[in-house]
């Protein structure tokens, strides 16, 4: 069953791409005691993810943090090196923290896997956005397949 509003976000070890390089972390470290916006994409460098999803959160980061959000995280079933390259390519800087779910552990724990085999991508994460307050999901907006409507920066701003 997929994660729901009111559920705790699963704990897992992750790697994050930062301005200082790749660092080891945990979801507990990233989410504990904070109000966080986390959005997930099917893949770094893919068309909608690169042209709309990530850029929207970079462009609207100040508005989002202005609503009491401590950090913005981008999750993808990609390795940390790909996430780091994508952050640099898109100019994420310190506005969006890139979280690598290289083995899909978090995605499976969330129950939000999608089969991207027909696109040559294998198992990936569904596109979604969430607000997580001290590890508890308070807003969850999961996209219908092949859509980009409810998980945008603008949609999350409206939900905050």
C-alpha atoms as a PDB file:
ATOM      1  CA  UNK A   1       0.000   0.000   0.000  1.00  0.00           C
ATOM      2  CA  UNK A   2       1.268   3.464  -0.885  1.00  0.00           C
ATOM      3  CA  UNK A   3       2.150   5.988   1.785  1.00  0.00           C
ATOM      4  CA  UNK A   4      -0.711   8.235   2.875  1.00  0.00           C
ATOM      5  CA  UNK A   5      -1.137  11.587   4.589  1.00  0.00           C
ATOM      6  CA  UNK A   6      -0.515  11.036   8.288  1.00  0.00           C
ATOM      7  CA  UNK A   7       2.054   8.260   7.752  1.00  0.00           C
ATOM      8  CA  UNK A   8       5.679   8.510   8.843  1.00  0.00           C
ATOM      9  CA  UNK A   9       8.171   8.774   6.001  1.00  0.00           C
ATOM     10  CA  UNK A  10      10.285   5.589   5.800  1.00  0.00           C
ATOM     11  CA  UNK A  11      13.755   5.612   7.284  1.00  0.00           C
ATOM     12  CA  UNK A  12      16.616   4.815   4.933  1.00  0.00           C
ATOM     13  CA  UNK A  13      20.244   5.615   4.250  1.00  0.00           C
ATOM     14  CA  UNK A  14      20.665   7.990   1.333  1.00  0.00           C
ATOM     15  CA  UNK A  15      23.316   9.880  -0.516  1.00  0.00           C
ATOM     16  CA  UNK A  16      22.819  13.526  -1.237  1.00  0.00           C
ATOM     17  CA  UNK A  17      24.470  15.739  -3.800  1.00  0.00           C
ATOM     18  CA  UNK A  18      25.585  18.997  -2.201  1.00  0.00           C
ATOM     19  CA  UNK A  19      27.653  21.950  -3.308  1.00  0.00           C
ATOM     20  CA  UNK A  20      30.498  20.223  -1.401  1.00  0.00           C
ATOM     21  CA  UNK A  21      30.093  16.904  -3.213  1.00  0.00           C
ATOM     22  CA  UNK A  22      28.325  13.674  -2.348  1.00  0.00           C
ATOM     23  CA  UNK A  23      27.518  13.023   1.303  1.00  0.00           C
ATOM     24  CA  UNK A  24      25.974  10.125   3.205  1.00  0.00           C
ATOM     25  CA  UNK A  25      22.841  10.897   5.179  1.00  0.00           C
ATOM     26  CA  UNK A  26      19.551   9.382   6.308  1.00  0.00           C
ATOM     27  CA  UNK A  27      15.946  10.303   5.758  1.00  0.00           C
ATOM     28  CA  UNK A  28      15.712  10.839   9.541  1.00  0.00           C
ATOM     29  CA  UNK A  29      18.500  13.456   9.332  1.00  0.00           C
ATOM     30  CA  UNK A  30      16.899  15.176   6.347  1.00  0.00           C
ATOM     31  CA  UNK A  31      13.341  15.204   7.722  1.00  0.00           C
ATOM     32  CA  UNK A  32      13.557  15.124  11.514  1.00  0.00           C
ATOM     33  CA  UNK A  33      12.490  18.282  13.322  1.00  0.00           C
ATOM     34  CA  UNK A  34      11.931  20.127  10.049  1.00  0.00           C
ATOM     35  CA  UNK A  35       9.183  21.088   7.650  1.00  0.00           C
ATOM     36  CA  UNK A  36      10.318  19.791   4.257  1.00  0.00           C
ATOM     37  CA  UNK A  37       8.966  19.777   0.731  1.00  0.00           C
ATOM     38  CA  UNK A  38      10.038  16.610  -1.068  1.00  0.00           C
ATOM     39  CA  UNK A  39       9.275  16.045  -4.710  1.00  0.00           C
ATOM     40  CA  UNK A  40      10.112  12.937  -6.702  1.00  0.00           C
ATOM     41  CA  UNK A  41      10.802  12.520 -10.370  1.00  0.00           C
ATOM     42  CA  UNK A  42      11.053   9.423 -12.575  1.00  0.00           C
ATOM     43  CA  UNK A  43      14.559  10.320 -13.688  1.00  0.00           C
ATOM     44  CA  UNK A  44      17.240  12.965 -13.790  1.00  0.00           C
ATOM     45  CA  UNK A  45      17.795  14.546 -17.186  1.00  0.00           C
ATOM     46  CA  UNK A  46      14.420  13.302 -18.494  1.00  0.00           C
ATOM     47  CA  UNK A  47      12.374  15.870 -20.442  1.00  0.00           C
ATOM     48  CA  UNK A  48       9.591  16.936 -18.051  1.00  0.00           C
ATOM     49  CA  UNK A  49      11.810  16.539 -14.994  1.00  0.00           C
ATOM     50  CA  UNK A  50      14.553  18.744 -16.461  1.00  0.00           C
ATOM     51  CA  UNK A  51      12.423  21.304 -18.286  1.00  0.00           C
ATOM     52  CA  UNK A  52       9.631  21.819 -15.738  1.00  0.00           C
ATOM     53  CA  UNK A  53       9.689  19.919 -12.456  1.00  0.00           C
ATOM     54  CA  UNK A  54      13.131  20.682 -11.001  1.00  0.00           C
ATOM     55  CA  UNK A  55      13.349  24.207 -12.508  1.00  0.00           C
ATOM     56  CA  UNK A  56       9.993  25.117 -10.956  1.00  0.00           C
ATOM     57  CA  UNK A  57      11.249  24.292  -7.473  1.00  0.00           C
ATOM     58  CA  UNK A  58      14.541  26.108  -8.067  1.00  0.00           C
ATOM     59  CA  UNK A  59      12.721  29.205  -9.342  1.00  0.00           C
ATOM     60  CA  UNK A  60      10.121  29.191  -6.526  1.00  0.00           C
ATOM     61  CA  UNK A  61      12.463  28.105  -3.690  1.00  0.00           C
ATOM     62  CA  UNK A  62      12.376  31.464  -1.927  1.00  0.00           C
ATOM     63  CA  UNK A  63       8.561  31.544  -1.989  1.00  0.00           C
ATOM     64  CA  UNK A  64       8.393  27.991  -0.635  1.00  0.00           C
ATOM     65  CA  UNK A  65      10.882  28.592   2.168  1.00  0.00           C
ATOM     66  CA  UNK A  66       9.072  31.863   2.872  1.00  0.00           C
ATOM     67  CA  UNK A  67       6.083  29.755   3.900  1.00  0.00           C
ATOM     68  CA  UNK A  68       8.004  28.128   6.751  1.00  0.00           C
ATOM     69  CA  UNK A  69       9.639  25.292   4.812  1.00  0.00           C
ATOM     70  CA  UNK A  70      13.151  24.461   6.024  1.00  0.00           C
ATOM     71  CA  UNK A  71      14.354  22.619   2.916  1.00  0.00           C
ATOM     72  CA  UNK A  72      13.353  21.340  -0.506  1.00  0.00           C
ATOM     73  CA  UNK A  73      14.423  17.831  -1.518  1.00  0.00           C
ATOM     74  CA  UNK A  74      14.359  16.182  -4.940  1.00  0.00           C
ATOM     75  CA  UNK A  75      14.225  12.362  -4.907  1.00  0.00           C
ATOM     76  CA  UNK A  76      14.963  10.122  -7.872  1.00  0.00           C
ATOM     77  CA  UNK A  77      15.932   6.506  -8.527  1.00  0.00           C
ATOM     78  CA  UNK A  78      19.326   7.583  -9.805  1.00  0.00           C
ATOM     79  CA  UNK A  79      22.771   7.337  -8.281  1.00  0.00           C
ATOM     80  CA  UNK A  80      24.316  10.250  -6.396  1.00  0.00           C
ATOM     81  CA  UNK A  81      26.749  11.024  -9.234  1.00  0.00           C
ATOM     82  CA  UNK A  82      23.890  11.486 -11.698  1.00  0.00           C
ATOM     83  CA  UNK A  83      21.950  13.596  -9.180  1.00  0.00           C
ATOM     84  CA  UNK A  84      25.037  15.745  -8.592  1.00  0.00           C
ATOM     85  CA  UNK A  85      25.578  16.266 -12.334  1.00  0.00           C
ATOM     86  CA  UNK A  86      21.893  17.106 -12.794  1.00  0.00           C
ATOM     87  CA  UNK A  87      21.967  19.633  -9.937  1.00  0.00           C
ATOM     88  CA  UNK A  88      24.971  21.341 -11.517  1.00  0.00           C
ATOM     89  CA  UNK A  89      23.414  21.248 -14.996  1.00  0.00           C
ATOM     90  CA  UNK A  90      20.174  22.838 -13.757  1.00  0.00           C
ATOM     91  CA  UNK A  91      21.785  25.287 -11.299  1.00  0.00           C
ATOM     92  CA  UNK A  92      20.089  23.892  -8.192  1.00  0.00           C
ATOM     93  CA  UNK A  93      22.792  25.308  -5.920  1.00  0.00           C
ATOM     94  CA  UNK A  94      21.655  25.274  -2.310  1.00  0.00           C
ATOM     95  CA  UNK A  95      17.994  25.787  -3.209  1.00  0.00           C
ATOM     96  CA  UNK A  96      17.171  22.097  -3.773  1.00  0.00           C
ATOM     97  CA  UNK A  97      18.931  19.144  -2.135  1.00  0.00           C
ATOM     98  CA  UNK A  98      19.254  16.198  -4.511  1.00  0.00           C
ATOM     99  CA  UNK A  99      18.517  12.837  -2.849  1.00  0.00           C
ATOM    100  CA  UNK A 100      19.713   9.688  -4.611  1.00  0.00           C
ATOM    101  CA  UNK A 101      17.520   6.600  -4.221  1.00  0.00           C
ATOM    102  CA  UNK A 102      19.884   4.562  -6.372  1.00  0.00           C
ATOM    103  CA  UNK A 103      18.540   1.131  -5.427  1.00  0.00           C
ATOM    104  CA  UNK A 104      14.915   2.264  -5.155  1.00  0.00           C
ATOM    105  CA  UNK A 105      14.767   1.400  -1.450  1.00  0.00           C
ATOM    106  CA  UNK A 106      12.813   4.523  -0.477  1.00  0.00           C
ATOM    107  CA  UNK A 107      10.576   4.317  -3.527  1.00  0.00           C
ATOM    108  CA  UNK A 108       9.590   0.716  -2.681  1.00  0.00           C
ATOM    109  CA  UNK A 109       9.039   1.608   0.994  1.00  0.00           C
ATOM    110  CA  UNK A 110       6.735   4.423  -0.134  1.00  0.00           C
ATOM    111  CA  UNK A 111       4.800   2.049  -2.396  1.00  0.00           C
ATOM    112  CA  UNK A 112       5.218   4.520  -5.260  1.00  0.00           C
ATOM    113  CA  UNK A 113       7.134   2.455  -7.800  1.00  0.00           C
ATOM    114  CA  UNK A 114       6.433   2.686 -11.503  1.00  0.00           C
ATOM    115  CA  UNK A 115       7.572   0.376 -14.239  1.00  0.00           C
ATOM    116  CA  UNK A 116       9.538   2.426 -16.755  1.00  0.00           C
ATOM    117  CA  UNK A 117      10.719  -0.637 -18.682  1.00  0.00           C
ATOM    118  CA  UNK A 118       8.867   0.397 -21.819  1.00  0.00           C
ATOM    119  CA  UNK A 119      11.039   3.552 -21.806  1.00  0.00           C
ATOM    120  CA  UNK A 120      14.244   1.616 -21.044  1.00  0.00           C
ATOM    121  CA  UNK A 121      14.335   2.959 -17.479  1.00  0.00           C
ATOM    122  CA  UNK A 122      13.378  -0.045 -15.324  1.00  0.00           C
ATOM    123  CA  UNK A 123      11.817   0.539 -11.914  1.00  0.00           C
ATOM    124  CA  UNK A 124      11.440   4.222 -11.099  1.00  0.00           C
ATOM    125  CA  UNK A 125       9.508   6.437  -8.708  1.00  0.00           C
ATOM    126  CA  UNK A 126       6.149   7.908  -9.603  1.00  0.00           C
ATOM    127  CA  UNK A 127       6.113  11.677  -9.917  1.00  0.00           C
ATOM    128  CA  UNK A 128       4.833  13.216  -6.676  1.00  0.00           C
ATOM    129  CA  UNK A 129       5.311  16.031  -4.193  1.00  0.00           C
ATOM    130  CA  UNK A 130       4.823  15.994  -0.438  1.00  0.00           C
ATOM    131  CA  UNK A 131       5.056  18.212   2.589  1.00  0.00           C
ATOM    132  CA  UNK A 132       6.665  16.383   5.489  1.00  0.00           C
ATOM    133  CA  UNK A 133       6.558  17.841   8.989  1.00  0.00           C
ATOM    134  CA  UNK A 134       9.046  16.246  11.427  1.00  0.00           C
ATOM    135  CA  UNK A 135       8.944  12.999   9.435  1.00  0.00           C
ATOM    136  CA  UNK A 136       5.145  12.833   9.048  1.00  0.00           C
ATOM    137  CA  UNK A 137       3.514  13.324   5.643  1.00  0.00           C
ATOM    138  CA  UNK A 138       1.016  16.201   5.854  1.00  0.00           C
ATOM    139  CA  UNK A 139       0.441  16.755   2.116  1.00  0.00           C
ATOM    140  CA  UNK A 140       0.842  14.137  -0.635  1.00  0.00           C
ATOM    141  CA  UNK A 141       0.120  14.853  -4.290  1.00  0.00           C
ATOM    142  CA  UNK A 142       0.815  11.914  -6.621  1.00  0.00           C
ATOM    143  CA  UNK A 143       0.583  12.417 -10.367  1.00  0.00           C
ATOM    144  CA  UNK A 144      -1.485  10.255 -12.669  1.00  0.00           C
ATOM    145  CA  UNK A 145       0.708   8.405 -15.214  1.00  0.00           C
ATOM    146  CA  UNK A 146       2.318  10.714 -17.796  1.00  0.00           C
ATOM    147  CA  UNK A 147       0.893  13.842 -16.086  1.00  0.00           C
ATOM    148  CA  UNK A 148       2.491  16.899 -14.515  1.00  0.00           C
ATOM    149  CA  UNK A 149      -0.252  18.800 -12.709  1.00  0.00           C
ATOM    150  CA  UNK A 150      -0.414  18.243  -8.937  1.00  0.00           C
ATOM    151  CA  UNK A 151       3.285  17.944  -8.029  1.00  0.00           C
ATOM    152  CA  UNK A 152       4.578  21.226  -9.416  1.00  0.00           C
ATOM    153  CA  UNK A 153       6.110  23.969  -7.285  1.00  0.00           C
ATOM    154  CA  UNK A 154       2.987  26.034  -7.886  1.00  0.00           C
ATOM    155  CA  UNK A 155       0.708  23.218  -6.679  1.00  0.00           C
ATOM    156  CA  UNK A 156       2.790  22.771  -3.526  1.00  0.00           C
ATOM    157  CA  UNK A 157       2.784  26.513  -2.880  1.00  0.00           C
ATOM    158  CA  UNK A 158      -1.018  26.430  -3.063  1.00  0.00           C
ATOM    159  CA  UNK A 159      -1.077  23.533  -0.566  1.00  0.00           C
ATOM    160  CA  UNK A 160       1.214  25.242   1.972  1.00  0.00           C
END
